[in-house]
Each structure stands twice: as structure tokens, then as C-alpha cells.
C-alpha atoms as a PDB file:
ATOM      1  CA  UNK A   1     117.379 132.942 107.186  1.00  0.00           C
ATOM      2  CA  UNK A   2     114.213 133.967 108.670  1.00  0.00           C
ATOM      3  CA  UNK A   3     111.732 131.507 109.864  1.00  0.00           C
ATOM      4  CA  UNK A   4     109.108 132.685 107.479  1.00  0.00           C
ATOM      5  CA  UNK A   5     111.730 132.292 104.653  1.00  0.00           C
ATOM      6  CA  UNK A   6     112.686 128.654 105.647  1.00  0.00           C
ATOM      7  CA  UNK A   7     108.823 127.994 105.428  1.00  0.00           C
ATOM      8  CA  UNK A   8     108.419 129.707 101.842  1.00  0.00           C
ATOM      9  CA  UNK A   9     111.695 128.082 100.694  1.00  0.00           C
ATOM     10  CA  UNK A  10     110.207 124.916 102.194  1.00  0.00           C
ATOM     11  CA  UNK A  11     106.804 125.639 100.216  1.00  0.00           C
ATOM     12  CA  UNK A  12     108.550 126.027  96.854  1.00  0.00           C
ATOM     13  CA  UNK A  13     111.016 122.982  97.189  1.00  0.00           C
ATOM     14  CA  UNK A  14     107.667 120.725  98.049  1.00  0.00           C
ATOM     15  CA  UNK A  15     105.881 122.403  95.211  1.00  0.00           C
ATOM     16  CA  UNK A  16     108.415 121.594  92.590  1.00  0.00           C
ATOM     17  CA  UNK A  17     108.779 117.831  94.334  1.00  0.00           C
ATOM     18  CA  UNK A  18     104.986 117.413  93.627  1.00  0.00           C
ATOM     19  CA  UNK A  19     104.921 118.754  90.551  1.00  0.00           C
ATOM     20  CA  UNK A  20     108.091 116.484  89.274  1.00  0.00           C
ATOM     21  CA  UNK A  21     105.970 113.702  90.973  1.00  0.00           C
ATOM     22  CA  UNK A  22     102.700 114.213  89.919  1.00  0.00           C
ATOM     23  CA  UNK A  23     103.784 114.806  86.071  1.00  0.00           C
ATOM     24  CA  UNK A  24     105.375 111.163  86.285  1.00  0.00           C
ATOM     25  CA  UNK A  25     102.349 109.411  88.469  1.00  0.00           C
ATOM     26  CA  UNK A  26      99.460 111.151  86.439  1.00  0.00           C
ATOM     27  CA  UNK A  27     100.860 110.257  82.797  1.00  0.00           C
ATOM     28  CA  UNK A  28     103.148 107.264  83.184  1.00  0.00           C
ATOM     29  CA  UNK A  29     100.365 104.730  82.941  1.00  0.00           C
ATOM     30  CA  UNK A  30      99.036 106.867  79.764  1.00  0.00           C
ATOM     31  CA  UNK A  31     102.628 106.332  78.168  1.00  0.00           C
ATOM     32  CA  UNK A  32     102.738 102.594  78.795  1.00  0.00           C
ATOM     33  CA  UNK A  33      99.303 101.928  77.507  1.00  0.00           C
ATOM     34  CA  UNK A  34      99.429 104.426  74.798  1.00  0.00           C
ATOM     35  CA  UNK A  35      97.545 102.068  72.635  1.00  0.00           C
ATOM     36  CA  UNK A  36      94.552 101.491  74.869  1.00  0.00           C
ATOM     37  CA  UNK A  37      92.368 104.629  75.475  1.00  0.00           C
ATOM     38  CA  UNK A  38      92.502 104.953  79.517  1.00  0.00           C
ATOM     39  CA  UNK A  39      89.823 107.013  80.912  1.00  0.00           C
ATOM     40  CA  UNK A  40      90.384 110.089  82.579  1.00  0.00           C
ATOM     41  CA  UNK A  41      88.185 111.174  85.486  1.00  0.00           C
ATOM     42  CA  UNK A  42      87.502 114.583  86.211  1.00  0.00           C
ATOM     43  CA  UNK A  43      88.701 117.225  86.470  1.00  0.00           C
ATOM     44  CA  UNK A  44      91.447 116.057  84.288  1.00  0.00           C
ATOM     45  CA  UNK A  45      95.216 115.249  84.368  1.00  0.00           C
ATOM     46  CA  UNK A  46      96.229 118.795  84.308  1.00  0.00           C
ATOM     47  CA  UNK A  47      94.079 119.870  87.429  1.00  0.00           C
ATOM     48  CA  UNK A  48      95.100 116.709  89.407  1.00  0.00           C
ATOM     49  CA  UNK A  49      98.993 117.230  88.799  1.00  0.00           C
ATOM     50  CA  UNK A  50      98.161 121.156  90.282  1.00  0.00           C
ATOM     51  CA  UNK A  51      96.478 119.323  93.196  1.00  0.00           C
ATOM     52  CA  UNK A  52      99.420 117.166  93.987  1.00  0.00           C
ATOM     53  CA  UNK A  53     102.002 120.125  93.789  1.00  0.00           C
ATOM     54  CA  UNK A  54      99.671 122.391  95.965  1.00  0.00           C
ATOM     55  CA  UNK A  55      99.873 119.060  98.402  1.00  0.00           C
ATOM     56  CA  UNK A  56     103.692 119.231  97.992  1.00  0.00           C
ATOM     57  CA  UNK A  57     103.846 122.752  98.611  1.00  0.00           C
ATOM     58  CA  UNK A  58     101.850 122.172 102.178  1.00  0.00           C
ATOM     59  CA  UNK A  59     104.275 119.151 102.590  1.00  0.00           C
ATOM     60  CA  UNK A  60     107.490 121.220 102.450  1.00  0.00           C
ATOM     61  CA  UNK A  61     105.904 124.176 104.546  1.00  0.00           C
ATOM     62  CA  UNK A  62     105.169 121.896 107.256  1.00  0.00           C
ATOM     63  CA  UNK A  63     108.411 119.928 107.406  1.00  0.00           C
ATOM     64  CA  UNK A  64     110.356 123.358 107.269  1.00  0.00           C
ATOM     65  CA  UNK A  65     108.250 124.684 110.205  1.00  0.00           C
ATOM     66  CA  UNK A  66     110.727 125.720 113.290  1.00  0.00           C
ATOM     67  CA  UNK A  67     110.309 123.952 116.401  1.00  0.00           C
ATOM     68  CA  UNK A  68     110.373 120.448 117.095  1.00  0.00           C
ATOM     69  CA  UNK A  69     112.036 118.364 114.192  1.00  0.00           C
ATOM     70  CA  UNK A  70     110.479 115.156 114.628  1.00  0.00           C
ATOM     71  CA  UNK A  71     106.898 116.439 115.374  1.00  0.00           C
ATOM     72  CA  UNK A  72     107.079 118.625 112.422  1.00  0.00           C
ATOM     73  CA  UNK A  73     108.261 115.776 110.277  1.00  0.00           C
ATOM     74  CA  UNK A  74     105.693 113.680 111.430  1.00  0.00           C
ATOM     75  CA  UNK A  75     102.676 116.271 111.108  1.00  0.00           C
ATOM     76  CA  UNK A  76     103.993 116.882 107.242  1.00  0.00           C
ATOM     77  CA  UNK A  77     104.105 113.154 106.535  1.00  0.00           C
ATOM     78  CA  UNK A  78     100.543 112.286 107.885  1.00  0.00           C
ATOM     79  CA  UNK A  79      99.097 115.355 106.297  1.00  0.00           C
ATOM     80  CA  UNK A  80     100.613 114.639 103.264  1.00  0.00           C
ATOM     81  CA  UNK A  81      99.705 110.780 103.583  1.00  0.00           C
ATOM     82  CA  UNK A  82      96.255 111.789 103.877  1.00  0.00           C
ATOM     83  CA  UNK A  83      95.876 114.466 101.505  1.00  0.00           C
ATOM     84  CA  UNK A  84      97.547 112.313  98.964  1.00  0.00           C
ATOM     85  CA  UNK A  85      95.283 109.288  99.360  1.00  0.00           C
ATOM     86  CA  UNK A  86      92.429 111.372  98.939  1.00  0.00           C
ATOM     87  CA  UNK A  87      93.318 112.656  95.812  1.00  0.00           C
ATOM     88  CA  UNK A  88      94.406 109.019  94.719  1.00  0.00           C
ATOM     89  CA  UNK A  89      91.174 107.922  96.140  1.00  0.00           C
ATOM     90  CA  UNK A  90      88.429 110.366  94.974  1.00  0.00           C
ATOM     91  CA  UNK A  91      90.245 112.100  92.040  1.00  0.00           C
ATOM     92  CA  UNK A  92      92.915 109.931  90.367  1.00  0.00           C
ATOM     93  CA  UNK A  93      90.793 106.563  90.566  1.00  0.00           C
ATOM     94  CA  UNK A  94      87.223 108.902  90.548  1.00  0.00           C
ATOM     95  CA  UNK A  95      84.519 106.013  90.120  1.00  0.00           C
ATOM     96  CA  UNK A  96      86.506 102.947  90.430  1.00  0.00           C
ATOM     97  CA  UNK A  97      85.833 102.495  93.818  1.00  0.00           C
ATOM     98  CA  UNK A  98      89.192 101.114  94.713  1.00  0.00           C
ATOM     99  CA  UNK A  99      89.755  98.843  97.768  1.00  0.00           C
ATOM    100  CA  UNK A 100      87.692  99.633 100.571  1.00  0.00           C
ATOM    101  CA  UNK A 101      87.869  99.606 104.450  1.00  0.00           C
ATOM    102  CA  UNK A 102      89.760 101.611 106.938  1.00  0.00           C
ATOM    103  CA  UNK A 103      92.401  99.029 107.702  1.00  0.00           C
ATOM    104  CA  UNK A 104      93.444  98.482 103.890  1.00  0.00           C
ATOM    105  CA  UNK A 105      93.191 102.175 103.293  1.00  0.00           C
ATOM    106  CA  UNK A 106      95.559 102.504 106.453  1.00  0.00           C
ATOM    107  CA  UNK A 107      98.093 100.050 105.476  1.00  0.00           C
ATOM    108  CA  UNK A 108      98.042  99.977 101.603  1.00  0.00           C
ATOM    109  CA  UNK A 109      97.855 103.596 101.189  1.00  0.00           C
ATOM    110  CA  UNK A 110      98.539 106.065 104.055  1.00  0.00           C
ATOM    111  CA  UNK A 111     101.182 104.321 106.110  1.00  0.00           C
ATOM    112  CA  UNK A 112     103.793 103.570 103.033  1.00  0.00           C
ATOM    113  CA  UNK A 113     103.047 107.171 101.895  1.00  0.00           C
ATOM    114  CA  UNK A 114     103.619 108.949 105.135  1.00  0.00           C
ATOM    115  CA  UNK A 115     106.851 106.872 105.350  1.00  0.00           C
ATOM    116  CA  UNK A 116     107.929 108.021 102.077  1.00  0.00           C
ATOM    117  CA  UNK A 117     106.621 111.597 102.803  1.00  0.00           C
ATOM    118  CA  UNK A 118     108.797 111.661 106.097  1.00  0.00           C
ATOM    119  CA  UNK A 119     111.948 111.219 103.885  1.00  0.00           C
ATOM    120  CA  UNK A 120     111.111 113.587 101.702  1.00  0.00           C
ATOM    121  CA  UNK A 121     110.458 116.039 104.378  1.00  0.00           C
ATOM    122  CA  UNK A 122     113.683 115.444 105.906  1.00  0.00           C
ATOM    123  CA  UNK A 123     115.358 115.798 102.425  1.00  0.00           C
ATOM    124  CA  UNK A 124     113.642 119.366 102.050  1.00  0.00           C
ATOM    125  CA  UNK A 125     114.820 120.338 105.464  1.00  0.00           C
ATOM    126  CA  UNK A 126     118.627 119.439 104.609  1.00  0.00           C
ATOM    127  CA  UNK A 127     118.545 121.459 101.366  1.00  0.00           C
ATOM    128  CA  UNK A 128     117.206 124.108 103.282  1.00  0.00           C
ATOM    129  CA  UNK A 129     120.120 124.023 105.622  1.00  0.00           C
ATOM    130  CA  UNK A 130     122.688 123.729 102.671  1.00  0.00           C
ATOM    131  CA  UNK A 131     120.863 127.002 100.841  1.00  0.00           C
ATOM    132  CA  UNK A 132     121.278 129.013 104.469  1.00  0.00           C
ATOM    133  CA  UNK A 133     124.719 127.968 104.851  1.00  0.00           C
ATOM    134  CA  UNK A 134     125.695 128.779 101.110  1.00  0.00           C
ATOM    135  CA  UNK A 135     123.918 132.228 101.671  1.00  0.00           C
ATOM    136  CA  UNK A 136     126.163 133.100 104.779  1.00  0.00           C
ATOM    137  CA  UNK A 137     129.076 132.928 102.495  1.00  0.00           C
ATOM    138  CA  UNK A 138     130.860 136.159 100.788  1.00  0.00           C
ATOM    139  CA  UNK A 139     130.396 134.923  97.490  1.00  0.00           C
ATOM    140  CA  UNK A 140     127.971 132.328  97.378  1.00  0.00           C
ATOM    141  CA  UNK A 141     127.294 130.204  94.280  1.00  0.00           C
ATOM    142  CA  UNK A 142     123.937 129.875  92.487  1.00  0.00           C
ATOM    143  CA  UNK A 143     125.134 126.722  91.050  1.00  0.00           C
ATOM    144  CA  UNK A 144     126.014 125.097  94.350  1.00  0.00           C
ATOM    145  CA  UNK A 145     122.503 126.296  95.469  1.00  0.00           C
ATOM    146  CA  UNK A 146     120.671 124.980  92.132  1.00  0.00           C
ATOM    147  CA  UNK A 147     122.297 121.383  92.418  1.00  0.00           C
ATOM    148  CA  UNK A 148     120.478 120.315  95.482  1.00  0.00           C
ATOM    149  CA  UNK A 149     117.176 121.798  94.598  1.00  0.00           C
ATOM    150  CA  UNK A 150     117.736 120.190  91.250  1.00  0.00           C
ATOM    151  CA  UNK A 151     118.552 116.828  93.048  1.00  0.00           C
ATOM    152  CA  UNK A 152     115.430 117.008  95.006  1.00  0.00           C
ATOM    153  CA  UNK A 153     113.402 117.379  91.768  1.00  0.00           C
ATOM    154  CA  UNK A 154     115.096 114.451  90.066  1.00  0.00           C
ATOM    155  CA  UNK A 155     114.539 112.210  93.213  1.00  0.00           C
ATOM    156  CA  UNK A 156     110.903 112.991  92.662  1.00  0.00           C
ATOM    157  CA  UNK A 157     110.441 111.659  89.398  1.00  0.00           C
ATOM    158  CA  UNK A 158     111.273 108.025  90.225  1.00  0.00           C
ATOM    159  CA  UNK A 159     108.650 108.169  93.039  1.00  0.00           C
ATOM    160  CA  UNK A 160     106.058 108.429  90.494  1.00  0.00           C
ATOM    161  CA  UNK A 161     106.924 105.385  89.023  1.00  0.00           C
ATOM    162  CA  UNK A 162     105.306 103.423  91.827  1.00  0.00           C
ATOM    163  CA  UNK A 163     102.088 104.567  90.184  1.00  0.00           C
ATOM    164  CA  UNK A 164     102.716 101.926  87.321  1.00  0.00           C
ATOM    165  CA  UNK A 165      99.901  99.276  87.060  1.00  0.00           C
ATOM    166  CA  UNK A 166     100.952  95.954  88.646  1.00  0.00           C
ATOM    167  CA  UNK A 167     101.605  93.085  86.436  1.00  0.00           C
ATOM    168  CA  UNK A 168      97.872  91.790  86.858  1.00  0.00           C
ATOM    169  CA  UNK A 169      96.294  94.874  86.545  1.00  0.00           C
ATOM    170  CA  UNK A 170      98.310  95.398  83.148  1.00  0.00           C
ATOM    171  CA  UNK A 171      97.112  91.970  82.002  1.00  0.00           C
ATOM    172  CA  UNK A 172      93.534  92.922  83.021  1.00  0.00           C
ATOM    173  CA  UNK A 173      93.603  95.800  80.939  1.00  0.00           C
ATOM    174  CA  UNK A 174      95.279  94.480  77.902  1.00  0.00           C
ATOM    175  CA  UNK A 175      92.799  91.274  77.713  1.00  0.00           C
ATOM    176  CA  UNK A 176      90.029  93.342  77.977  1.00  0.00           C
ATOM    177  CA  UNK A 177      90.883  95.645  75.101  1.00  0.00           C
ATOM    178  CA  UNK A 178      91.555  92.480  73.397  1.00  0.00           C
ATOM    179  CA  UNK A 179      88.128  91.217  73.982  1.00  0.00           C
ATOM    180  CA  UNK A 180      86.593  94.679  73.243  1.00  0.00           C
ATOM    181  CA  UNK A 181      88.496  94.652  69.659  1.00  0.00           C
ATOM    182  CA  UNK A 182      87.171  91.175  69.309  1.00  0.00           C
ATOM    183  CA  UNK A 183      83.840  91.869  70.146  1.00  0.00           C
ATOM    184  CA  UNK A 184      83.701  95.501  67.877  1.00  0.00           C
ATOM    185  CA  UNK A 185      84.655  93.391  64.792  1.00  0.00           C
ATOM    186  CA  UNK A 186      82.243  90.701  65.400  1.00  0.00           C
ATOM    187  CA  UNK A 187      78.981  90.689  63.355  1.00  0.00           C
ATOM    188  CA  UNK A 188      76.939  87.733  64.991  1.00  0.00           C
ATOM    189  CA  UNK A 189      76.685  86.604  68.498  1.00  0.00           C
ATOM    190  CA  UNK A 190      78.196  83.577  67.448  1.00  0.00           C
ATOM    191  CA  UNK A 191      81.182  85.447  66.686  1.00  0.00           C
ATOM    192  CA  UNK A 192      81.301  87.107  70.108  1.00  0.00           C
ATOM    193  CA  UNK A 193      83.993  86.363  72.413  1.00  0.00           C
ATOM    194  CA  UNK A 194      82.266  83.586  75.449  1.00  0.00           C
ATOM    195  CA  UNK A 195      83.389  86.180  78.368  1.00  0.00           C
ATOM    196  CA  UNK A 196      81.123  89.236  76.369  1.00  0.00           C
ATOM    197  CA  UNK A 197      77.692  87.165  76.030  1.00  0.00           C
ATOM    198  CA  UNK A 198      76.523  88.176  79.354  1.00  0.00           C
ATOM    199  CA  UNK A 199      76.954  91.773  78.473  1.00  0.00           C
ATOM    200  CA  UNK A 200      73.096  92.251  77.515  1.00  0.00           C
ATOM    201  CA  UNK A 201      72.833  93.689  74.006  1.00  0.00           C
ATOM    202  CA  UNK A 202      76.451  94.219  73.163  1.00  0.00           C
ATOM    203  CA  UNK A 203      76.466  94.082  69.590  1.00  0.00           C
ATOM    204  CA  UNK A 204      73.509  96.852  69.494  1.00  0.00           C
ATOM    205  CA  UNK A 205      74.636  99.247  72.052  1.00  0.00           C
ATOM    206  CA  UNK A 206      78.747  98.861  71.993  1.00  0.00           C
ATOM    207  CA  UNK A 207      78.984 101.812  69.394  1.00  0.00           C
ATOM    208  CA  UNK A 208      81.623 104.429  68.916  1.00  0.00           C
ATOM    209  CA  UNK A 209      85.147 105.543  71.300  1.00  0.00           C
ATOM    210  CA  UNK A 210      85.514 103.755  74.401  1.00  0.00           C
ATOM    211  CA  UNK A 211      87.606 104.277  77.719  1.00  0.00           C
ATOM    212  CA  UNK A 212      88.926 101.810  79.975  1.00  0.00           C
ATOM    213  CA  UNK A 213      89.213 102.207  83.641  1.00  0.00           C
ATOM    214  CA  UNK A 214      91.241  99.692  86.193  1.00  0.00           C
ATOM    215  CA  UNK A 215      89.906  99.297  89.735  1.00  0.00           C
ATOM    216  CA  UNK A 216      91.638  97.190  92.157  1.00  0.00           C
ATOM    217  CA  UNK A 217      88.359  95.873  93.442  1.00  0.00           C
ATOM    218  CA  UNK A 218      86.553  93.088  91.397  1.00  0.00           C
ATOM    219  CA  UNK A 219      84.048  93.202  93.588  1.00  0.00           C
ATOM    220  CA  UNK A 220      82.722  96.611  92.323  1.00  0.00           C
ATOM    221  CA  UNK A 221      81.319  94.624  89.195  1.00  0.00           C
ATOM    222  CA  UNK A 222      77.463  93.048  89.982  1.00  0.00           C
ATOM    223  CA  UNK A 223      78.479  89.545  88.671  1.00  0.00           C
ATOM    224  CA  UNK A 224      78.848  86.562  90.310  1.00  0.00           C
ATOM    225  CA  UNK A 225      82.242  85.731  90.933  1.00  0.00           C
ATOM    226  CA  UNK A 226      83.689  81.776  91.306  1.00  0.00           C
ATOM    227  CA  UNK A 227      83.334  80.826  94.858  1.00  0.00           C
ATOM    228  CA  UNK A 228      87.387  80.144  94.406  1.00  0.00           C
ATOM    229  CA  UNK A 229      87.720  84.221  94.055  1.00  0.00           C
ATOM    230  CA  UNK A 230      86.419  84.470  97.755  1.00  0.00           C
ATOM    231  CA  UNK A 231      89.379  86.445  99.633  1.00  0.00           C
ATOM    232  CA  UNK A 232      91.605  86.418  96.414  1.00  0.00           C
ATOM    233  CA  UNK A 233      93.117  89.876  95.341  1.00  0.00           C
ATOM    234  CA  UNK A 234      91.936  90.949  91.651  1.00  0.00           C
ATOM    235  CA  UNK A 235      90.812  93.726  89.565  1.00  0.00           C
ATOM    236  CA  UNK A 236      88.038  94.969  87.475  1.00  0.00           C
ATOM    237  CA  UNK A 237      87.855  96.854  84.037  1.00  0.00           C
ATOM    238  CA  UNK A 238      85.315  99.552  83.803  1.00  0.00           C
ATOM    239  CA  UNK A 239      84.324 100.168  80.119  1.00  0.00           C
ATOM    240  CA  UNK A 240      82.705 103.224  79.124  1.00  0.00           C
ATOM    241  CA  UNK A 241      81.182 104.339  75.508  1.00  0.00           C
ATOM    242  CA  UNK A 242      80.750 107.340  74.450  1.00  0.00           C
ATOM    243  CA  UNK A 243      77.079 106.634  73.958  1.00  0.00           C
ATOM    244  CA  UNK A 244      76.488 105.943  77.433  1.00  0.00           C
ATOM    245  CA  UNK A 245      76.819 102.345  77.148  1.00  0.00           C
ATOM    246  CA  UNK A 246      78.745 100.700  80.297  1.00  0.00           C
ATOM    247  CA  UNK A 247      79.911  97.374  81.144  1.00  0.00           C
ATOM    248  CA  UNK A 248      83.034  95.714  83.039  1.00  0.00           C
ATOM    249  CA  UNK A 249      84.813  92.728  83.356  1.00  0.00           C
ATOM    250  CA  UNK A 250      86.268  91.361  86.851  1.00  0.00           C
ATOM    251  CA  UNK A 251      89.418  89.365  87.081  1.00  0.00           C
ATOM    252  CA  UNK A 252      90.692  87.343  90.223  1.00  0.00           C
ATOM    253  CA  UNK A 253      93.833  85.450  90.615  1.00  0.00           C
ATOM    254  CA  UNK A 254      92.128  81.979  90.783  1.00  0.00           C
ATOM    255  CA  UNK A 255      90.283  82.570  87.229  1.00  0.00           C
ATOM    256  CA  UNK A 256      92.150  83.537  83.929  1.00  0.00           C
ATOM    257  CA  UNK A 257      88.896  84.504  82.372  1.00  0.00           C
ATOM    258  CA  UNK A 258      86.994  87.430  83.326  1.00  0.00           C
ATOM    259  CA  UNK A 259      83.330  87.519  84.553  1.00  0.00           C
ATOM    260  CA  UNK A 260      81.731  90.642  82.400  1.00  0.00           C
ATOM    261  CA  UNK A 261      78.615  92.570  82.881  1.00  0.00           C
ATOM    262  CA  UNK A 262      76.785  95.780  83.217  1.00  0.00           C
ATOM    263  CA  UNK A 263      77.049  98.035  85.972  1.00  0.00           C
END
């Protein structure tokens, strides 16, 4: 098998893994929270999955590059980690302003992804060797060639499950949706949940369909958090109505009740 053929094969294998991963990662929370209208940032789920597949193709191509194996795997892993972080940060979480700061991005996003992608690159090289060896036999088997490829795709599926929101994030989404349903059924401000009272003119402006988006940075909300929240991890749920009305609720571990307000 020529060097060019190996690189092309690496691109195909990486693209298939990226496609499998993307299908799970981008859709899993929408399936889990099928009763909650989750916000989908532009350019939409289909295009985002396409970008992830392209990123996978590049990762596979770099991993299959000839020469120093360790160097190529490291380059592949770092490239894939940086690109996938950019996709996650600016497209998947578009507008949510997730955790910021270079150290947080490095240790929470880039390095863990690089470790996983390094292993993926190694597996891609192993599958290429298996296929190359099988093609050298007089009567090569299509089944023997298809099985390792299928194995790669299947292995990529559970990796996408890491995109499932944490229990605290799930609580924030479900609780916010619960408050919204109570607020939308209220006729007077006396019937409105206390956490929604700081939202200016909620009853008059909260009209029509809405979507919810989870952010792992409660500081994105311009609301006064309790002093005990300083340094604690939390979440914010951003609410968007189709008429343009927006507000959000910030949750921190030290306080079970959110602080809600416009943003």
C-alpha cells in the first residue's frame, strides 16, 4: 500500500469515526431532554456533525502519515483536540460563553481530548496495518477487512456519550423548565415563582415558544450571586423566546435556588 493510499485510508477511517461520534455527541442531549426545547445554535446540528466528520478525517490523515509514528500521533492528537475544542466552544455552545481562561480550556478541554484522540490515531494505524496485511494475501476476505473498520466506528459511538450533561446541569435545565411552565401558567405576579420575580415584566414579555441552553459558567448572567458562590462551580440556563425576550437563571452548588434575570 502506497503512502498516499495509507493517508487516504486514514482520512476515510477518521471521517467515519468522526461521523459516528458526532451523531451521538450532538444529538444525545436532545434525545434525553426530548420534552425540553433545547436551543440549537447556528449553523445547526447537521452542519456541526459534518464539521466533526471533517475534523476526524484530518485526524486520521495525520495519524496515518509516514515517518515518526509518535510525532505523527502527537500532531494528530493536538490538532484534533484544538479543532474539536473550537467547534465545541464556538459552535456547539455558541453564545453560551462556557468556561473561559486559558488554563481551564487547556486542562478541561484540550488535554483530555488530546489523550483520547491519541488513542484513536493509534487504532487507525493498527487498522490500516490489518487491512494492508489482508490485501497482501492471494484471496483476501472482504469480511475480515470490514470487521476492523466496523469496530472503529462502533468504538467511536460511546465516546460521544461524554457529551451528556452532568447531573447538576440536568438539574438546572429541568428546574428552569419547571419554573418556566409555572410562570407561563400564572395570571398574576402573586402566582409567579419567586425566582422569576426579578425578571422584568415576565408576564407581559414571556409569550410564545422558547428554548433553553445550558452554560457551565454562571458568571455569564448579570445577576447578584450569593457570596458563598465565590469559587464554586455552577451552571447558567439561558432562556430565549421567539419574540426576542431573553433571560437566564444561574445555579451554584452552594445555593439550590437560582438567581434569575435578563441578559
